Amino acid sequence: MNDYKYYSDLDSHPFTGEYNVNFKARIAQNDHVKKFFDGTAGVEQVQNVTPGKIYEIYKVEGYGDVADFYFKDDVGKEQCLADFFFGEVCVE
């Protein structure tokens, strides 16, 4: 379960609880996520996280068919964001 792909489709295998993991994921840069970083009024803004940047995910907390990913943000503090903020890291 140390794989982003496993957590990107939780509809097929929902879970609750916490797992210690070790995988990389990239903050998405799509329109759905963009509003959390660009100052859009009425939307809680994410601080100290860079869209497009790859982060090391070390814990996943599941709530059924959604999950939160835990990682160290740009200033070294623990940050937790929902799985929809992330995308797969493609190796070229």
C-alpha atoms as a PDB file:
ATOM      1  CA  MET A   1       0.000   0.000   0.000  1.00  0.00           C
ATOM      2  CA  ASN A   2       2.986   2.284  -0.548  1.00  0.00           C
ATOM      3  CA  ASP A   3       1.622   3.448  -3.881  1.00  0.00           C
ATOM      4  CA  TYR A   4      -0.324   6.549  -4.872  1.00  0.00           C
ATOM      5  CA  LYS A   5      -2.436   4.509  -7.302  1.00  0.00           C
ATOM      6  CA  TYR A   6      -3.843   2.430  -4.444  1.00  0.00           C
ATOM      7  CA  TYR A   7      -5.246   5.552  -2.770  1.00  0.00           C
ATOM      8  CA  SER A   8      -6.418   7.272  -5.952  1.00  0.00           C
ATOM      9  CA  ASP A   9      -9.392   4.898  -6.375  1.00  0.00           C
ATOM     10  CA  LEU A  10     -10.843   4.341  -2.926  1.00  0.00           C
ATOM     11  CA  ASP A  11     -14.324   3.739  -4.337  1.00  0.00           C
ATOM     12  CA  SER A  12     -13.179   0.212  -5.173  1.00  0.00           C
ATOM     13  CA  HIS A  13     -11.655  -0.472  -1.728  1.00  0.00           C
ATOM     14  CA  PRO A  14     -12.751   2.034   0.935  1.00  0.00           C
ATOM     15  CA  PHE A  15     -11.050   1.982   4.323  1.00  0.00           C
ATOM     16  CA  THR A  16     -10.990   3.781   7.658  1.00  0.00           C
ATOM     17  CA  GLY A  17      -8.014   4.305   9.905  1.00  0.00           C
ATOM     18  CA  GLU A  18      -4.387   5.280   9.481  1.00  0.00           C
ATOM     19  CA  TYR A  19      -1.564   3.699   7.519  1.00  0.00           C
ATOM     20  CA  ASN A  20       2.089   4.640   7.676  1.00  0.00           C
ATOM     21  CA  VAL A  21       3.203   4.816   4.054  1.00  0.00           C
ATOM     22  CA  ASN A  22       6.106   5.952   1.931  1.00  0.00           C
ATOM     23  CA  PHE A  23       5.309   7.264  -1.549  1.00  0.00           C
ATOM     24  CA  LYS A  24       5.517  10.483  -3.538  1.00  0.00           C
ATOM     25  CA  ALA A  25       2.596  12.486  -4.886  1.00  0.00           C
ATOM     26  CA  ARG A  26       2.376  15.755  -6.786  1.00  0.00           C
ATOM     27  CA  ILE A  27       0.066  18.624  -5.863  1.00  0.00           C
ATOM     28  CA  ALA A  28      -2.399  18.883  -8.748  1.00  0.00           C
ATOM     29  CA  GLN A  29      -2.563  21.982 -10.926  1.00  0.00           C
ATOM     30  CA  ASN A  30      -6.086  21.586 -12.260  1.00  0.00           C
ATOM     31  CA  ASP A  31      -8.944  24.098 -12.058  1.00  0.00           C
ATOM     32  CA  HIS A  32     -10.588  22.277  -9.141  1.00  0.00           C
ATOM     33  CA  VAL A  33      -7.485  22.630  -6.948  1.00  0.00           C
ATOM     34  CA  LYS A  34      -6.248  25.991  -8.261  1.00  0.00           C
ATOM     35  CA  LYS A  35      -8.833  27.997  -6.287  1.00  0.00           C
ATOM     36  CA  PHE A  36      -7.306  26.816  -2.988  1.00  0.00           C
ATOM     37  CA  PHE A  37      -4.010  28.525  -3.879  1.00  0.00           C
ATOM     38  CA  ASP A  38      -4.896  31.624  -5.929  1.00  0.00           C
ATOM     39  CA  GLY A  39      -6.739  33.804  -3.404  1.00  0.00           C
ATOM     40  CA  THR A  40     -10.259  32.965  -4.594  1.00  0.00           C
ATOM     41  CA  ALA A  41     -12.717  34.707  -2.255  1.00  0.00           C
ATOM     42  CA  GLY A  42     -14.666  32.407   0.060  1.00  0.00           C
ATOM     43  CA  VAL A  43     -12.248  29.491  -0.368  1.00  0.00           C
ATOM     44  CA  GLU A  44      -9.898  28.534   2.457  1.00  0.00           C
ATOM     45  CA  GLN A  45      -6.375  29.014   1.106  1.00  0.00           C
ATOM     46  CA  VAL A  46      -3.657  26.413   1.487  1.00  0.00           C
ATOM     47  CA  GLN A  47      -0.433  27.865   2.882  1.00  0.00           C
ATOM     48  CA  ASN A  48       3.180  26.705   2.439  1.00  0.00           C
ATOM     49  CA  VAL A  49       2.358  24.159  -0.265  1.00  0.00           C
ATOM     50  CA  THR A  50       3.363  24.611  -3.907  1.00  0.00           C
ATOM     51  CA  PRO A  51       1.099  23.459  -6.765  1.00  0.00           C
ATOM     52  CA  GLY A  52       2.998  21.083  -9.037  1.00  0.00           C
ATOM     53  CA  LYS A  53       5.552  20.190  -6.373  1.00  0.00           C
ATOM     54  CA  ILE A  54       6.223  16.591  -5.381  1.00  0.00           C
ATOM     55  CA  TYR A  55       5.898  15.724  -1.686  1.00  0.00           C
ATOM     56  CA  GLU A  56       6.800  12.604   0.297  1.00  0.00           C
ATOM     57  CA  ILE A  57       3.607  11.160   1.784  1.00  0.00           C
ATOM     58  CA  TYR A  58       4.270   9.388   5.083  1.00  0.00           C
ATOM     59  CA  LYS A  59       0.782   8.764   6.462  1.00  0.00           C
ATOM     60  CA  VAL A  60      -2.674   8.250   4.987  1.00  0.00           C
ATOM     61  CA  GLU A  61      -5.865   8.508   7.035  1.00  0.00           C
ATOM     62  CA  GLY A  62      -8.932   6.950   5.424  1.00  0.00           C
ATOM     63  CA  TYR A  63     -12.566   7.946   5.884  1.00  0.00           C
ATOM     64  CA  GLY A  64     -14.258   5.399   3.655  1.00  0.00           C
ATOM     65  CA  ASP A  65     -13.849   6.395   0.015  1.00  0.00           C
ATOM     66  CA  VAL A  66     -11.710   9.495   0.718  1.00  0.00           C
ATOM     67  CA  ALA A  67      -8.405   9.987   2.511  1.00  0.00           C
ATOM     68  CA  ASP A  68      -6.084  12.643   3.877  1.00  0.00           C
ATOM     69  CA  PHE A  69      -2.394  12.576   2.971  1.00  0.00           C
ATOM     70  CA  TYR A  70       0.194  13.732   5.516  1.00  0.00           C
ATOM     71  CA  PHE A  71       3.498  15.291   4.448  1.00  0.00           C
ATOM     72  CA  LYS A  72       5.989  18.011   5.393  1.00  0.00           C
ATOM     73  CA  ASP A  73       5.136  21.331   3.742  1.00  0.00           C
ATOM     74  CA  ASP A  74       7.531  23.911   2.306  1.00  0.00           C
ATOM     75  CA  VAL A  75       8.526  25.163   5.764  1.00  0.00           C
ATOM     76  CA  GLY A  76       8.928  21.686   7.270  1.00  0.00           C
ATOM     77  CA  LYS A  77       5.663  21.526   9.206  1.00  0.00           C
ATOM     78  CA  GLU A  78       3.225  18.639   9.076  1.00  0.00           C
ATOM     79  CA  GLN A  79       0.505  19.318   6.557  1.00  0.00           C
ATOM     80  CA  CYS A  80      -2.585  17.287   5.779  1.00  0.00           C
ATOM     81  CA  LEU A  81      -4.588  17.618   2.558  1.00  0.00           C
ATOM     82  CA  ALA A  82      -7.384  15.573   1.035  1.00  0.00           C
ATOM     83  CA  ASP A  83      -6.464  13.045  -1.619  1.00  0.00           C
ATOM     84  CA  PHE A  84      -8.080  15.133  -4.393  1.00  0.00           C
ATOM     85  CA  PHE A  85      -5.264  17.681  -4.039  1.00  0.00           C
ATOM     86  CA  PHE A  86      -2.769  15.148  -5.394  1.00  0.00           C
ATOM     87  CA  GLY A  87      -1.820  13.421  -8.597  1.00  0.00           C
ATOM     88  CA  GLU A  88       0.553  10.648  -9.530  1.00  0.00           C
ATOM     89  CA  VAL A  89       4.245  11.271 -10.005  1.00  0.00           C
ATOM     90  CA  CYS A  90       5.156  10.084 -13.481  1.00  0.00           C
ATOM     91  CA  VAL A  91       8.617   8.646 -13.882  1.00  0.00           C
ATOM     92  CA  GLU A  92      10.143   9.385 -17.259  1.00  0.00           C
END
